[in-house]
Amino acid sequence: MDLLAALDRLIPAYSPGPDFAAVAARMGRVIPWEYDFKFDAQLNRTAGLPDLRSFWHDNA
């Protein structure tokens, strides 16, 4: 329920946005997601760049 309460506050605070990705990125600044940075790491690997370390998990 804590997540739902947080989303009830975050969605109106960070939207509207130009698209879903923009709103999700804004919300992601304040919610420590379990899979944070995995998408960024995939994009970097595809571009031949080094992986990013997770901000929230030192062992990620």
PDB file of N, CA and C in Angstrom:
ATOM      1  N   MET A   1       0.809  -1.195   0.000  1.00  0.00           N
ATOM      2  CA  MET A   1       0.000   0.000   0.000  1.00  0.00           C
ATOM      3  C   MET A   1       0.854   1.261   0.000  1.00  0.00           C
ATOM      4  N   ASP A   2       2.051   1.199   0.562  1.00  0.00           N
ATOM      5  CA  ASP A   2       2.908   2.380   0.565  1.00  0.00           C
ATOM      6  C   ASP A   2       3.253   2.807  -0.859  1.00  0.00           C
ATOM      7  N   LEU A   3       3.484   1.816  -1.742  1.00  0.00           N
ATOM      8  CA  LEU A   3       3.794   2.142  -3.129  1.00  0.00           C
ATOM      9  C   LEU A   3       2.604   2.823  -3.796  1.00  0.00           C
ATOM     10  N   LEU A   4       1.417   2.299  -3.576  1.00  0.00           N
ATOM     11  CA  LEU A   4       0.228   2.905  -4.176  1.00  0.00           C
ATOM     12  C   LEU A   4       0.016   4.330  -3.675  1.00  0.00           C
ATOM     13  N   ALA A   5       0.230   4.546  -2.399  1.00  0.00           N
ATOM     14  CA  ALA A   5       0.098   5.895  -1.845  1.00  0.00           C
ATOM     15  C   ALA A   5       1.132   6.829  -2.465  1.00  0.00           C
ATOM     16  N   ALA A   6       2.345   6.332  -2.644  1.00  0.00           N
ATOM     17  CA  ALA A   6       3.389   7.144  -3.268  1.00  0.00           C
ATOM     18  C   ALA A   6       3.028   7.466  -4.714  1.00  0.00           C
ATOM     19  N   LEU A   7       2.516   6.482  -5.435  1.00  0.00           N
ATOM     20  CA  LEU A   7       2.137   6.716  -6.825  1.00  0.00           C
ATOM     21  C   LEU A   7       0.987   7.708  -6.931  1.00  0.00           C
ATOM     22  N   ASP A   8       0.057   7.642  -6.002  1.00  0.00           N
ATOM     23  CA  ASP A   8      -1.054   8.601  -5.992  1.00  0.00           C
ATOM     24  C   ASP A   8      -0.558  10.037  -5.859  1.00  0.00           C
ATOM     25  N   ARG A   9       0.561  10.226  -5.204  1.00  0.00           N
ATOM     26  CA  ARG A   9       1.142  11.573  -5.067  1.00  0.00           C
ATOM     27  C   ARG A   9       2.062  11.911  -6.238  1.00  0.00           C
ATOM     28  N   LEU A  10       2.827  10.914  -6.717  1.00  0.00           N
ATOM     29  CA  LEU A  10       3.823  11.164  -7.759  1.00  0.00           C
ATOM     30  C   LEU A  10       3.216  11.422  -9.131  1.00  0.00           C
ATOM     31  N   ILE A  11       2.214  10.647  -9.499  1.00  0.00           N
ATOM     32  CA  ILE A  11       1.666  10.770 -10.853  1.00  0.00           C
ATOM     33  C   ILE A  11       1.157  12.187 -11.115  1.00  0.00           C
ATOM     34  N   PRO A  12       0.343  12.763 -10.233  1.00  0.00           N
ATOM     35  CA  PRO A  12      -0.081  14.139 -10.494  1.00  0.00           C
ATOM     36  C   PRO A  12       1.081  15.147 -10.420  1.00  0.00           C
ATOM     37  N   ALA A  13       2.079  14.861  -9.595  1.00  0.00           N
ATOM     38  CA  ALA A  13       3.185  15.804  -9.437  1.00  0.00           C
ATOM     39  C   ALA A  13       4.107  15.827 -10.656  1.00  0.00           C
ATOM     40  N   TYR A  14       4.269  14.694 -11.336  1.00  0.00           N
ATOM     41  CA  TYR A  14       5.216  14.591 -12.438  1.00  0.00           C
ATOM     42  C   TYR A  14       4.567  14.503 -13.811  1.00  0.00           C
ATOM     43  N   SER A  15       3.258  14.658 -13.893  1.00  0.00           N
ATOM     44  CA  SER A  15       2.591  14.652 -15.183  1.00  0.00           C
ATOM     45  C   SER A  15       1.716  15.898 -15.283  1.00  0.00           C
ATOM     46  N   PRO A  16       1.378  16.337 -16.459  1.00  0.00           N
ATOM     47  CA  PRO A  16       1.576  15.632 -17.716  1.00  0.00           C
ATOM     48  C   PRO A  16       3.010  15.746 -18.215  1.00  0.00           C
ATOM     49  N   GLY A  17       3.299  14.903 -19.164  1.00  0.00           N
ATOM     50  CA  GLY A  17       4.594  14.921 -19.826  1.00  0.00           C
ATOM     51  C   GLY A  17       4.376  14.668 -21.305  1.00  0.00           C
ATOM     52  N   PRO A  18       5.420  14.835 -22.105  1.00  0.00           N
ATOM     53  CA  PRO A  18       5.257  14.636 -23.542  1.00  0.00           C
ATOM     54  C   PRO A  18       4.944  13.191 -23.917  1.00  0.00           C
ATOM     55  N   ASP A  19       5.386  12.248 -23.078  1.00  0.00           N
ATOM     56  CA  ASP A  19       5.091  10.832 -23.319  1.00  0.00           C
ATOM     57  C   ASP A  19       5.292  10.063 -22.014  1.00  0.00           C
ATOM     58  N   PHE A  20       4.954   8.775 -22.047  1.00  0.00           N
ATOM     59  CA  PHE A  20       5.058   7.954 -20.842  1.00  0.00           C
ATOM     60  C   PHE A  20       6.497   7.872 -20.342  1.00  0.00           C
ATOM     61  N   ALA A  21       7.440   7.752 -21.264  1.00  0.00           N
ATOM     62  CA  ALA A  21       8.846   7.618 -20.860  1.00  0.00           C
ATOM     63  C   ALA A  21       9.314   8.829 -20.065  1.00  0.00           C
ATOM     64  N   ALA A  22       8.874  10.011 -20.447  1.00  0.00           N
ATOM     65  CA  ALA A  22       9.279  11.219 -19.726  1.00  0.00           C
ATOM     66  C   ALA A  22       8.702  11.223 -18.312  1.00  0.00           C
ATOM     67  N   VAL A  23       7.430  10.859 -18.187  1.00  0.00           N
ATOM     68  CA  VAL A  23       6.804  10.819 -16.866  1.00  0.00           C
ATOM     69  C   VAL A  23       7.461   9.737 -16.010  1.00  0.00           C
ATOM     70  N   ALA A  24       7.702   8.566 -16.584  1.00  0.00           N
ATOM     71  CA  ALA A  24       8.347   7.479 -15.841  1.00  0.00           C
ATOM     72  C   ALA A  24       9.748   7.871 -15.402  1.00  0.00           C
ATOM     73  N   ALA A  25      10.490   8.558 -16.255  1.00  0.00           N
ATOM     74  CA  ALA A  25      11.839   8.991 -15.893  1.00  0.00           C
ATOM     75  C   ALA A  25      11.791   9.978 -14.734  1.00  0.00           C
ATOM     76  N   ARG A  26      10.821  10.867 -14.747  1.00  0.00           N
ATOM     77  CA  ARG A  26      10.683  11.825 -13.651  1.00  0.00           C
ATOM     78  C   ARG A  26      10.381  11.101 -12.346  1.00  0.00           C
ATOM     79  N   MET A  27       9.469  10.146 -12.409  1.00  0.00           N
ATOM     80  CA  MET A  27       9.115   9.392 -11.203  1.00  0.00           C
ATOM     81  C   MET A  27      10.287   8.552 -10.724  1.00  0.00           C
ATOM     82  N   GLY A  28      11.069   8.040 -11.669  1.00  0.00           N
ATOM     83  CA  GLY A  28      12.215   7.222 -11.326  1.00  0.00           C
ATOM     84  C   GLY A  28      13.289   7.958 -10.555  1.00  0.00           C
ATOM     85  N   ARG A  29      13.246   9.274 -10.566  1.00  0.00           N
ATOM     86  CA  ARG A  29      14.222  10.056  -9.802  1.00  0.00           C
ATOM     87  C   ARG A  29      14.019   9.919  -8.305  1.00  0.00           C
ATOM     88  N   VAL A  30      12.803   9.579  -7.892  1.00  0.00           N
ATOM     89  CA  VAL A  30      12.504   9.528  -6.458  1.00  0.00           C
ATOM     90  C   VAL A  30      12.106   8.143  -5.953  1.00  0.00           C
ATOM     91  N   ILE A  31      11.945   7.170  -6.855  1.00  0.00           N
ATOM     92  CA  ILE A  31      11.573   5.811  -6.443  1.00  0.00           C
ATOM     93  C   ILE A  31      12.750   4.882  -6.720  1.00  0.00           C
ATOM     94  N   PRO A  32      13.278   4.202  -5.710  1.00  0.00           N
ATOM     95  CA  PRO A  32      14.379   3.253  -5.938  1.00  0.00           C
ATOM     96  C   PRO A  32      13.846   1.947  -6.523  1.00  0.00           C
ATOM     97  N   TRP A  33      13.854   1.827  -7.831  1.00  0.00           N
ATOM     98  CA  TRP A  33      13.326   0.643  -8.508  1.00  0.00           C
ATOM     99  C   TRP A  33      14.255  -0.546  -8.320  1.00  0.00           C
ATOM    100  N   GLU A  34      13.695  -1.730  -8.294  1.00  0.00           N
ATOM    101  CA  GLU A  34      14.483  -2.952  -8.142  1.00  0.00           C
ATOM    102  C   GLU A  34      15.430  -3.157  -9.317  1.00  0.00           C
ATOM    103  N   TYR A  35      14.995  -2.783 -10.514  1.00  0.00           N
ATOM    104  CA  TYR A  35      15.785  -3.028 -11.712  1.00  0.00           C
ATOM    105  C   TYR A  35      16.366  -1.738 -12.286  1.00  0.00           C
ATOM    106  N   ASP A  36      16.666  -0.793 -11.414  1.00  0.00           N
ATOM    107  CA  ASP A  36      17.181   0.483 -11.894  1.00  0.00           C
ATOM    108  C   ASP A  36      18.463   0.298 -12.698  1.00  0.00           C
ATOM    109  N   PHE A  37      18.583   1.063 -13.725  1.00  0.00           N
ATOM    110  CA  PHE A  37      19.746   1.149 -14.604  1.00  0.00           C
ATOM    111  C   PHE A  37      19.934  -0.049 -15.534  1.00  0.00           C
ATOM    112  N   LYS A  38      19.083  -1.081 -15.470  1.00  0.00           N
ATOM    113  CA  LYS A  38      19.272  -2.212 -16.394  1.00  0.00           C
ATOM    114  C   LYS A  38      19.015  -1.789 -17.834  1.00  0.00           C
ATOM    115  N   PHE A  39      18.006  -0.949 -18.059  1.00  0.00           N
ATOM    116  CA  PHE A  39      17.745  -0.457 -19.414  1.00  0.00           C
ATOM    117  C   PHE A  39      18.901   0.418 -19.885  1.00  0.00           C
ATOM    118  N   ASP A  40      19.389   1.290 -19.002  1.00  0.00           N
ATOM    119  CA  ASP A  40      20.520   2.149 -19.356  1.00  0.00           C
ATOM    120  C   ASP A  40      21.754   1.322 -19.680  1.00  0.00           C
ATOM    121  N   ALA A  41      21.989   0.268 -18.912  1.00  0.00           N
ATOM    122  CA  ALA A  41      23.152  -0.585 -19.157  1.00  0.00           C
ATOM    123  C   ALA A  41      23.032  -1.264 -20.526  1.00  0.00           C
ATOM    124  N   GLN A  42      21.833  -1.702 -20.876  1.00  0.00           N
ATOM    125  CA  GLN A  42      21.617  -2.333 -22.178  1.00  0.00           C
ATOM    126  C   GLN A  42      21.877  -1.335 -23.305  1.00  0.00           C
ATOM    127  N   LEU A  43      21.377  -0.119 -23.150  1.00  0.00           N
ATOM    128  CA  LEU A  43      21.620   0.908 -24.172  1.00  0.00           C
ATOM    129  C   LEU A  43      23.113   1.191 -24.321  1.00  0.00           C
ATOM    130  N   ASN A  44      23.811   1.280 -23.197  1.00  0.00           N
ATOM    131  CA  ASN A  44      25.251   1.547 -23.259  1.00  0.00           C
ATOM    132  C   ASN A  44      25.998   0.399 -23.937  1.00  0.00           C
ATOM    133  N   ARG A  45      25.657  -0.847 -23.605  1.00  0.00           N
ATOM    134  CA  ARG A  45      26.326  -1.988 -24.239  1.00  0.00           C
ATOM    135  C   ARG A  45      26.105  -1.968 -25.747  1.00  0.00           C
ATOM    136  N   THR A  46      24.877  -1.676 -26.172  1.00  0.00           N
ATOM    137  CA  THR A  46      24.561  -1.617 -27.595  1.00  0.00           C
ATOM    138  C   THR A  46      25.392  -0.551 -28.293  1.00  0.00           C
ATOM    139  N   ALA A  47      25.647   0.553 -27.614  1.00  0.00           N
ATOM    140  CA  ALA A  47      26.439   1.646 -28.189  1.00  0.00           C
ATOM    141  C   ALA A  47      27.944   1.469 -27.979  1.00  0.00           C
ATOM    142  N   GLY A  48      28.339   0.363 -27.328  1.00  0.00           N
ATOM    143  CA  GLY A  48      29.761   0.127 -27.087  1.00  0.00           C
ATOM    144  C   GLY A  48      30.328   0.935 -25.944  1.00  0.00           C
ATOM    145  N   LEU A  49      29.453   1.390 -25.037  1.00  0.00           N
ATOM    146  CA  LEU A  49      29.883   2.189 -23.888  1.00  0.00           C
ATOM    147  C   LEU A  49      29.891   1.328 -22.629  1.00  0.00           C
ATOM    148  N   PRO A  50      30.602   1.753 -21.573  1.00  0.00           N
ATOM    149  CA  PRO A  50      30.620   0.962 -20.336  1.00  0.00           C
ATOM    150  C   PRO A  50      29.267   0.999 -19.625  1.00  0.00           C
ATOM    151  N   ASP A  51      29.007  -0.039 -18.839  1.00  0.00           N
ATOM    152  CA  ASP A  51      27.778  -0.123 -18.051  1.00  0.00           C
ATOM    153  C   ASP A  51      27.768   0.937 -16.955  1.00  0.00           C
ATOM    154  N   LEU A  52      26.574   1.333 -16.548  1.00  0.00           N
ATOM    155  CA  LEU A  52      26.405   2.253 -15.428  1.00  0.00           C
ATOM    156  C   LEU A  52      26.210   1.455 -14.152  1.00  0.00           C
ATOM    157  N   ARG A  53      26.725   1.953 -13.064  1.00  0.00           N
ATOM    158  CA  ARG A  53      26.496   1.311 -11.774  1.00  0.00           C
ATOM    159  C   ARG A  53      25.179   1.808 -11.209  1.00  0.00           C
ATOM    160  N   SER A  54      24.541   0.941 -10.459  1.00  0.00           N
ATOM    161  CA  SER A  54      23.291   1.309  -9.816  1.00  0.00           C
ATOM    162  C   SER A  54      23.537   2.331  -8.716  1.00  0.00           C
ATOM    163  N   PHE A  55      22.706   3.327  -8.648  1.00  0.00           N
ATOM    164  CA  PHE A  55      22.798   4.327  -7.594  1.00  0.00           C
ATOM    165  C   PHE A  55      22.329   3.767  -6.259  1.00  0.00           C
ATOM    166  N   TRP A  56      21.300   2.909  -6.277  1.00  0.00           N
ATOM    167  CA  TRP A  56      20.659   2.432  -5.058  1.00  0.00           C
ATOM    168  C   TRP A  56      21.294   1.179  -4.486  1.00  0.00           C
ATOM    169  N   HIS A  57      21.954   0.372  -5.314  1.00  0.00           N
ATOM    170  CA  HIS A  57      22.477  -0.917  -4.850  1.00  0.00           C
ATOM    171  C   HIS A  57      23.970  -0.989  -5.117  1.00  0.00           C
ATOM    172  N   ASP A  58      24.773  -0.983  -4.077  1.00  0.00           N
ATOM    173  CA  ASP A  58      26.217  -1.003  -4.244  1.00  0.00           C
ATOM    174  C   ASP A  58      26.714  -2.282  -4.911  1.00  0.00           C
ATOM    175  N   ASN A  59      25.977  -3.378  -4.770  1.00  0.00           N
ATOM    176  CA  ASN A  59      26.438  -4.649  -5.317  1.00  0.00           C
ATOM    177  C   ASN A  59      25.854  -4.936  -6.696  1.00  0.00           C
ATOM    178  N   ALA A  60      25.182  -3.990  -7.305  1.00  0.00           N
ATOM    179  CA  ALA A  60      24.559  -4.233  -8.616  1.00  0.00           C
ATOM    180  C   ALA A  60      25.571  -4.065  -9.734  1.00  0.00           C
TER     181      ALA A  60
END
